[in-house]
């Protein structure tokens, strides 16, 4: 596998209370785009909202694990 770019339709939640991961700029909670490289740990995993704003990945979410899980489910 190499670079991946996957649109996530729906919400990403985290924490014990399943808080939504939302865009700090426009508050979008659906249709995030996740990008990264499954083979290269030096390439950062990024999350973007439907409107193109960068969305910080919460510290309690392993970004690389999220990317891998989403990639495996999308195959």
PDB file of N, CA and C in Angstrom:
ATOM      1  N   UNK A   1       0.834  -1.170   0.000  1.00  0.00           N
ATOM      2  CA  UNK A   1       0.000   0.000   0.000  1.00  0.00           C
ATOM      3  C   UNK A   1       0.879   1.233   0.000  1.00  0.00           C
ATOM      4  N   UNK A   2       0.294   2.335  -0.384  1.00  0.00           N
ATOM      5  CA  UNK A   2       1.050   3.578  -0.435  1.00  0.00           C
ATOM      6  C   UNK A   2       0.174   4.715   0.070  1.00  0.00           C
ATOM      7  N   UNK A   3       0.262   5.852  -0.609  1.00  0.00           N
ATOM      8  CA  UNK A   3      -0.542   7.007  -0.215  1.00  0.00           C
ATOM      9  C   UNK A   3      -2.017   6.715  -0.401  1.00  0.00           C
ATOM     10  N   UNK A   4      -2.804   7.145   0.568  1.00  0.00           N
ATOM     11  CA  UNK A   4      -4.254   6.972   0.487  1.00  0.00           C
ATOM     12  C   UNK A   4      -4.941   8.291   0.790  1.00  0.00           C
ATOM     13  N   UNK A   5      -6.103   8.448   0.191  1.00  0.00           N
ATOM     14  CA  UNK A   5      -6.970   9.604   0.430  1.00  0.00           C
ATOM     15  C   UNK A   5      -8.388   9.067   0.406  1.00  0.00           C
ATOM     16  N   UNK A   6      -9.062   9.122   1.544  1.00  0.00           N
ATOM     17  CA  UNK A   6     -10.372   8.494   1.686  1.00  0.00           C
ATOM     18  C   UNK A   6     -11.351   9.489   2.297  1.00  0.00           C
ATOM     19  N   UNK A   7     -12.529   9.574   1.704  1.00  0.00           N
ATOM     20  CA  UNK A   7     -13.588  10.394   2.275  1.00  0.00           C
ATOM     21  C   UNK A   7     -14.374   9.547   3.266  1.00  0.00           C
ATOM     22  N   UNK A   8     -14.555  10.093   4.452  1.00  0.00           N
ATOM     23  CA  UNK A   8     -15.306   9.415   5.498  1.00  0.00           C
ATOM     24  C   UNK A   8     -16.693  10.044   5.536  1.00  0.00           C
ATOM     25  N   UNK A   9     -17.704   9.280   5.181  1.00  0.00           N
ATOM     26  CA  UNK A   9     -19.085   9.754   5.226  1.00  0.00           C
ATOM     27  C   UNK A   9     -19.642   9.416   6.598  1.00  0.00           C
ATOM     28  N   UNK A  10     -19.921  10.418   7.379  1.00  0.00           N
ATOM     29  CA  UNK A  10     -20.405  10.204   8.732  1.00  0.00           C
ATOM     30  C   UNK A  10     -19.513  10.906   9.722  1.00  0.00           C
ATOM     31  N   UNK A  11     -19.700  10.625  10.973  1.00  0.00           N
ATOM     32  CA  UNK A  11     -18.973  11.303  12.035  1.00  0.00           C
ATOM     33  C   UNK A  11     -17.825  10.454  12.548  1.00  0.00           C
ATOM     34  N   UNK A  12     -16.780  11.137  12.969  1.00  0.00           N
ATOM     35  CA  UNK A  12     -15.684  10.505  13.691  1.00  0.00           C
ATOM     36  C   UNK A  12     -15.879  10.914  15.140  1.00  0.00           C
ATOM     37  N   UNK A  13     -15.876   9.945  16.039  1.00  0.00           N
ATOM     38  CA  UNK A  13     -16.045  10.253  17.453  1.00  0.00           C
ATOM     39  C   UNK A  13     -14.826   9.771  18.226  1.00  0.00           C
ATOM     40  N   UNK A  14     -14.693  10.289  19.445  1.00  0.00           N
ATOM     41  CA  UNK A  14     -13.560   9.878  20.275  1.00  0.00           C
ATOM     42  C   UNK A  14     -13.917  10.029  21.739  1.00  0.00           C
ATOM     43  N   UNK A  15     -13.126   9.393  22.564  1.00  0.00           N
ATOM     44  CA  UNK A  15     -13.308   9.497  24.004  1.00  0.00           C
ATOM     45  C   UNK A  15     -14.408   8.601  24.524  1.00  0.00           C
ATOM     46  N   UNK A  16     -14.503   8.558  25.838  1.00  0.00           N
ATOM     47  CA  UNK A  16     -15.500   7.694  26.482  1.00  0.00           C
ATOM     48  C   UNK A  16     -16.927   8.168  26.234  1.00  0.00           C
ATOM     49  N   UNK A  17     -17.076   9.459  25.884  1.00  0.00           N
ATOM     50  CA  UNK A  17     -18.421   9.982  25.633  1.00  0.00           C
ATOM     51  C   UNK A  17     -18.723  10.127  24.137  1.00  0.00           C
ATOM     52  N   UNK A  18     -17.848   9.593  23.296  1.00  0.00           N
ATOM     53  CA  UNK A  18     -18.018   9.616  21.836  1.00  0.00           C
ATOM     54  C   UNK A  18     -18.246  11.037  21.310  1.00  0.00           C
ATOM     55  N   UNK A  19     -17.418  11.956  21.756  1.00  0.00           N
ATOM     56  CA  UNK A  19     -17.507  13.337  21.289  1.00  0.00           C
ATOM     57  C   UNK A  19     -17.185  13.398  19.800  1.00  0.00           C
ATOM     58  N   UNK A  20     -17.918  14.236  19.072  1.00  0.00           N
ATOM     59  CA  UNK A  20     -17.701  14.364  17.636  1.00  0.00           C
ATOM     60  C   UNK A  20     -16.407  15.121  17.361  1.00  0.00           C
ATOM     61  N   UNK A  21     -15.701  14.700  16.327  1.00  0.00           N
ATOM     62  CA  UNK A  21     -14.559  15.448  15.827  1.00  0.00           C
ATOM     63  C   UNK A  21     -15.124  16.428  14.813  1.00  0.00           C
ATOM     64  N   UNK A  22     -15.038  17.717  15.131  1.00  0.00           N
ATOM     65  CA  UNK A  22     -15.611  18.705  14.228  1.00  0.00           C
ATOM     66  C   UNK A  22     -14.566  19.727  13.807  1.00  0.00           C
ATOM     67  N   UNK A  23     -14.857  20.431  12.746  1.00  0.00           N
ATOM     68  CA  UNK A  23     -13.964  21.448  12.205  1.00  0.00           C
ATOM     69  C   UNK A  23     -13.999  22.680  13.109  1.00  0.00           C
ATOM     70  N   UNK A  24     -12.839  23.167  13.548  1.00  0.00           N
ATOM     71  CA  UNK A  24     -12.833  24.345  14.404  1.00  0.00           C
ATOM     72  C   UNK A  24     -13.202  25.633  13.651  1.00  0.00           C
ATOM     73  N   UNK A  25     -13.145  25.596  12.329  1.00  0.00           N
ATOM     74  CA  UNK A  25     -13.447  26.784  11.525  1.00  0.00           C
ATOM     75  C   UNK A  25     -14.924  26.890  11.186  1.00  0.00           C
ATOM     76  N   UNK A  26     -15.523  25.792  10.696  1.00  0.00           N
ATOM     77  CA  UNK A  26     -16.913  25.856  10.229  1.00  0.00           C
ATOM     78  C   UNK A  26     -17.851  24.901  10.967  1.00  0.00           C
ATOM     79  N   UNK A  27     -17.327  24.145  11.913  1.00  0.00           N
ATOM     80  CA  UNK A  27     -18.095  23.201  12.741  1.00  0.00           C
ATOM     81  C   UNK A  27     -18.657  22.001  11.981  1.00  0.00           C
ATOM     82  N   UNK A  28     -18.166  21.745  10.783  1.00  0.00           N
ATOM     83  CA  UNK A  28     -18.615  20.566  10.030  1.00  0.00           C
ATOM     84  C   UNK A  28     -18.242  19.303  10.800  1.00  0.00           C
ATOM     85  N   UNK A  29     -19.165  18.344  10.839  1.00  0.00           N
ATOM     86  CA  UNK A  29     -18.904  17.086  11.548  1.00  0.00           C
ATOM     87  C   UNK A  29     -18.981  15.878  10.626  1.00  0.00           C
ATOM     88  N   UNK A  30     -19.410  16.063   9.395  1.00  0.00           N
ATOM     89  CA  UNK A  30     -19.563  14.948   8.464  1.00  0.00           C
ATOM     90  C   UNK A  30     -18.632  15.118   7.264  1.00  0.00           C
ATOM     91  N   UNK A  31     -18.392  14.027   6.584  1.00  0.00           N
ATOM     92  CA  UNK A  31     -17.639  14.013   5.330  1.00  0.00           C
ATOM     93  C   UNK A  31     -16.231  14.575   5.479  1.00  0.00           C
ATOM     94  N   UNK A  32     -15.449  13.987   6.354  1.00  0.00           N
ATOM     95  CA  UNK A  32     -14.049  14.348   6.496  1.00  0.00           C
ATOM     96  C   UNK A  32     -13.223  13.594   5.446  1.00  0.00           C
ATOM     97  N   UNK A  33     -12.107  14.167   5.078  1.00  0.00           N
ATOM     98  CA  UNK A  33     -11.168  13.535   4.152  1.00  0.00           C
ATOM     99  C   UNK A  33      -9.904  13.235   4.941  1.00  0.00           C
ATOM    100  N   UNK A  34      -9.490  11.971   4.954  1.00  0.00           N
ATOM    101  CA  UNK A  34      -8.276  11.581   5.661  1.00  0.00           C
ATOM    102  C   UNK A  34      -7.220  11.231   4.624  1.00  0.00           C
ATOM    103  N   UNK A  35      -6.006  11.713   4.851  1.00  0.00           N
ATOM    104  CA  UNK A  35      -4.891  11.468   3.927  1.00  0.00           C
ATOM    105  C   UNK A  35      -3.688  10.988   4.714  1.00  0.00           C
ATOM    106  N   UNK A  36      -2.907  10.136   4.079  1.00  0.00           N
ATOM    107  CA  UNK A  36      -1.676   9.677   4.698  1.00  0.00           C
ATOM    108  C   UNK A  36      -1.043   8.597   3.852  1.00  0.00           C
ATOM    109  N   UNK A  37       0.003   8.019   4.379  1.00  0.00           N
ATOM    110  CA  UNK A  37       0.725   6.955   3.691  1.00  0.00           C
ATOM    111  C   UNK A  37       0.858   5.784   4.653  1.00  0.00           C
ATOM    112  N   UNK A  38       0.370   4.636   4.245  1.00  0.00           N
ATOM    113  CA  UNK A  38       0.390   3.468   5.125  1.00  0.00           C
ATOM    114  C   UNK A  38       1.778   2.851   5.257  1.00  0.00           C
ATOM    115  N   UNK A  39       2.669   3.114   4.307  1.00  0.00           N
ATOM    116  CA  UNK A  39       4.004   2.517   4.338  1.00  0.00           C
ATOM    117  C   UNK A  39       5.073   3.426   4.913  1.00  0.00           C
ATOM    118  N   UNK A  40       4.793   4.719   5.014  1.00  0.00           N
ATOM    119  CA  UNK A  40       5.808   5.684   5.417  1.00  0.00           C
ATOM    120  C   UNK A  40       5.329   6.450   6.656  1.00  0.00           C
ATOM    121  N   UNK A  41       5.912   6.124   7.803  1.00  0.00           N
ATOM    122  CA  UNK A  41       5.516   6.762   9.055  1.00  0.00           C
ATOM    123  C   UNK A  41       5.937   8.224   9.142  1.00  0.00           C
ATOM    124  N   UNK A  42       6.816   8.667   8.237  1.00  0.00           N
ATOM    125  CA  UNK A  42       7.260  10.062   8.275  1.00  0.00           C
ATOM    126  C   UNK A  42       6.243  11.000   7.625  1.00  0.00           C
ATOM    127  N   UNK A  43       5.328  10.453   6.827  1.00  0.00           N
ATOM    128  CA  UNK A  43       4.291  11.266   6.194  1.00  0.00           C
ATOM    129  C   UNK A  43       3.163  11.448   7.204  1.00  0.00           C
ATOM    130  N   UNK A  44       2.832  12.693   7.546  1.00  0.00           N
ATOM    131  CA  UNK A  44       1.773  12.897   8.547  1.00  0.00           C
ATOM    132  C   UNK A  44       0.400  12.506   8.019  1.00  0.00           C
ATOM    133  N   UNK A  45      -0.441  12.044   8.931  1.00  0.00           N
ATOM    134  CA  UNK A  45      -1.837  11.760   8.610  1.00  0.00           C
ATOM    135  C   UNK A  45      -2.598  13.062   8.857  1.00  0.00           C
ATOM    136  N   UNK A  46      -3.374  13.497   7.853  1.00  0.00           N
ATOM    137  CA  UNK A  46      -4.121  14.747   7.995  1.00  0.00           C
ATOM    138  C   UNK A  46      -5.607  14.482   7.823  1.00  0.00           C
ATOM    139  N   UNK A  47      -6.380  15.345   8.430  1.00  0.00           N
ATOM    140  CA  UNK A  47      -7.829  15.267   8.362  1.00  0.00           C
ATOM    141  C   UNK A  47      -8.330  16.635   7.900  1.00  0.00           C
ATOM    142  N   UNK A  48      -9.219  16.641   6.912  1.00  0.00           N
ATOM    143  CA  UNK A  48      -9.766  17.872   6.349  1.00  0.00           C
ATOM    144  C   UNK A  48     -11.279  17.767   6.346  1.00  0.00           C
ATOM    145  N   UNK A  49     -11.961  18.872   6.631  1.00  0.00           N
ATOM    146  CA  UNK A  49     -13.419  18.840   6.611  1.00  0.00           C
ATOM    147  C   UNK A  49     -13.925  18.972   5.176  1.00  0.00           C
ATOM    148  N   UNK A  50     -15.219  18.843   5.012  1.00  0.00           N
ATOM    149  CA  UNK A  50     -15.855  18.907   3.702  1.00  0.00           C
ATOM    150  C   UNK A  50     -15.606  20.246   3.014  1.00  0.00           C
ATOM    151  N   UNK A  51     -15.330  21.286   3.786  1.00  0.00           N
ATOM    152  CA  UNK A  51     -15.090  22.612   3.225  1.00  0.00           C
ATOM    153  C   UNK A  51     -13.609  22.925   3.021  1.00  0.00           C
ATOM    154  N   UNK A  52     -12.752  21.930   3.249  1.00  0.00           N
ATOM    155  CA  UNK A  52     -11.328  22.089   2.984  1.00  0.00           C
ATOM    156  C   UNK A  52     -10.489  22.618   4.126  1.00  0.00           C
ATOM    157  N   UNK A  53     -11.064  22.780   5.304  1.00  0.00           N
ATOM    158  CA  UNK A  53     -10.316  23.266   6.463  1.00  0.00           C
ATOM    159  C   UNK A  53      -9.583  22.111   7.145  1.00  0.00           C
ATOM    160  N   UNK A  54      -8.396  22.398   7.673  1.00  0.00           N
ATOM    161  CA  UNK A  54      -7.656  21.399   8.441  1.00  0.00           C
ATOM    162  C   UNK A  54      -8.371  21.152   9.762  1.00  0.00           C
ATOM    163  N   UNK A  55      -8.523  19.876  10.107  1.00  0.00           N
ATOM    164  CA  UNK A  55      -9.173  19.486  11.354  1.00  0.00           C
ATOM    165  C   UNK A  55      -8.127  18.789  12.224  1.00  0.00           C
ATOM    166  N   UNK A  56      -7.853  19.329  13.405  1.00  0.00           N
ATOM    167  CA  UNK A  56      -6.885  18.665  14.276  1.00  0.00           C
ATOM    168  C   UNK A  56      -7.413  17.310  14.746  1.00  0.00           C
ATOM    169  N   UNK A  57      -6.546  16.332  14.739  1.00  0.00           N
ATOM    170  CA  UNK A  57      -6.924  14.999  15.204  1.00  0.00           C
ATOM    171  C   UNK A  57      -6.711  14.972  16.719  1.00  0.00           C
ATOM    172  N   UNK A  58      -7.762  14.659  17.483  1.00  0.00           N
ATOM    173  CA  UNK A  58      -7.635  14.657  18.951  1.00  0.00           C
ATOM    174  C   UNK A  58      -6.500  13.751  19.424  1.00  0.00           C
ATOM    175  N   UNK A  59      -5.870  14.146  20.530  1.00  0.00           N
ATOM    176  CA  UNK A  59      -4.715  13.413  21.049  1.00  0.00           C
ATOM    177  C   UNK A  59      -5.041  11.978  21.444  1.00  0.00           C
ATOM    178  N   UNK A  60      -6.298  11.680  21.732  1.00  0.00           N
ATOM    179  CA  UNK A  60      -6.640  10.317  22.138  1.00  0.00           C
ATOM    180  C   UNK A  60      -6.968   9.405  20.958  1.00  0.00           C
ATOM    181  N   UNK A  61      -6.807   9.913  19.741  1.00  0.00           N
ATOM    182  CA  UNK A  61      -6.986   9.095  18.539  1.00  0.00           C
ATOM    183  C   UNK A  61      -5.617   8.867  17.914  1.00  0.00           C
ATOM    184  N   UNK A  62      -5.267   7.626  17.670  1.00  0.00           N
ATOM    185  CA  UNK A  62      -4.035   7.299  16.961  1.00  0.00           C
ATOM    186  C   UNK A  62      -4.313   7.505  15.468  1.00  0.00           C
ATOM    187  N   UNK A  63      -3.786   8.572  14.907  1.00  0.00           N
ATOM    188  CA  UNK A  63      -4.091   8.953  13.523  1.00  0.00           C
ATOM    189  C   UNK A  63      -3.719   7.866  12.524  1.00  0.00           C
ATOM    190  N   UNK A  64      -2.569   7.244  12.713  1.00  0.00           N
ATOM    191  CA  UNK A  64      -2.136   6.203  11.785  1.00  0.00           C
ATOM    192  C   UNK A  64      -3.039   4.969  11.885  1.00  0.00           C
ATOM    193  N   UNK A  65      -3.474   4.634  13.084  1.00  0.00           N
ATOM    194  CA  UNK A  65      -4.390   3.511  13.266  1.00  0.00           C
ATOM    195  C   UNK A  65      -5.751   3.814  12.631  1.00  0.00           C
ATOM    196  N   UNK A  66      -6.226   5.056  12.776  1.00  0.00           N
ATOM    197  CA  UNK A  66      -7.478   5.459  12.140  1.00  0.00           C
ATOM    198  C   UNK A  66      -7.362   5.342  10.626  1.00  0.00           C
ATOM    199  N   UNK A  67      -6.266   5.821  10.061  1.00  0.00           N
ATOM    200  CA  UNK A  67      -6.043   5.725   8.616  1.00  0.00           C
ATOM    201  C   UNK A  67      -6.046   4.269   8.160  1.00  0.00           C
ATOM    202  N   UNK A  68      -5.334   3.407   8.889  1.00  0.00           N
ATOM    203  CA  UNK A  68      -5.268   1.991   8.535  1.00  0.00           C
ATOM    204  C   UNK A  68      -6.650   1.343   8.604  1.00  0.00           C
ATOM    205  N   UNK A  69      -7.393   1.615   9.667  1.00  0.00           N
ATOM    206  CA  UNK A  69      -8.728   1.031   9.832  1.00  0.00           C
ATOM    207  C   UNK A  69      -9.651   1.456   8.707  1.00  0.00           C
ATOM    208  N   UNK A  70      -9.662   2.745   8.400  1.00  0.00           N
ATOM    209  CA  UNK A  70     -10.520   3.251   7.331  1.00  0.00           C
ATOM    210  C   UNK A  70     -10.104   2.657   5.992  1.00  0.00           C
ATOM    211  N   UNK A  71      -8.808   2.559   5.751  1.00  0.00           N
ATOM    212  CA  UNK A  71      -8.323   1.996   4.478  1.00  0.00           C
ATOM    213  C   UNK A  71      -8.726   0.536   4.330  1.00  0.00           C
ATOM    214  N   UNK A  72      -8.628  -0.234   5.403  1.00  0.00           N
ATOM    215  CA  UNK A  72      -8.984  -1.651   5.342  1.00  0.00           C
ATOM    216  C   UNK A  72     -10.484  -1.829   5.115  1.00  0.00           C
ATOM    217  N   UNK A  73     -11.290  -0.986   5.705  1.00  0.00           N
ATOM    218  CA  UNK A  73     -12.744  -1.078   5.542  1.00  0.00           C
ATOM    219  C   UNK A  73     -13.198  -0.607   4.163  1.00  0.00           C
ATOM    220  N   UNK A  74     -12.411   0.233   3.534  1.00  0.00           N
ATOM    221  CA  UNK A  74     -12.823   0.764   2.229  1.00  0.00           C
ATOM    222  C   UNK A  74     -12.473  -0.171   1.073  1.00  0.00           C
ATOM    223  N   UNK A  75     -11.671  -1.183   1.334  1.00  0.00           N
ATOM    224  CA  UNK A  75     -11.291  -2.108   0.252  1.00  0.00           C
ATOM    225  C   UNK A  75     -12.418  -3.015  -0.146  1.00  0.00           C
TER     226      UNK A  75
END
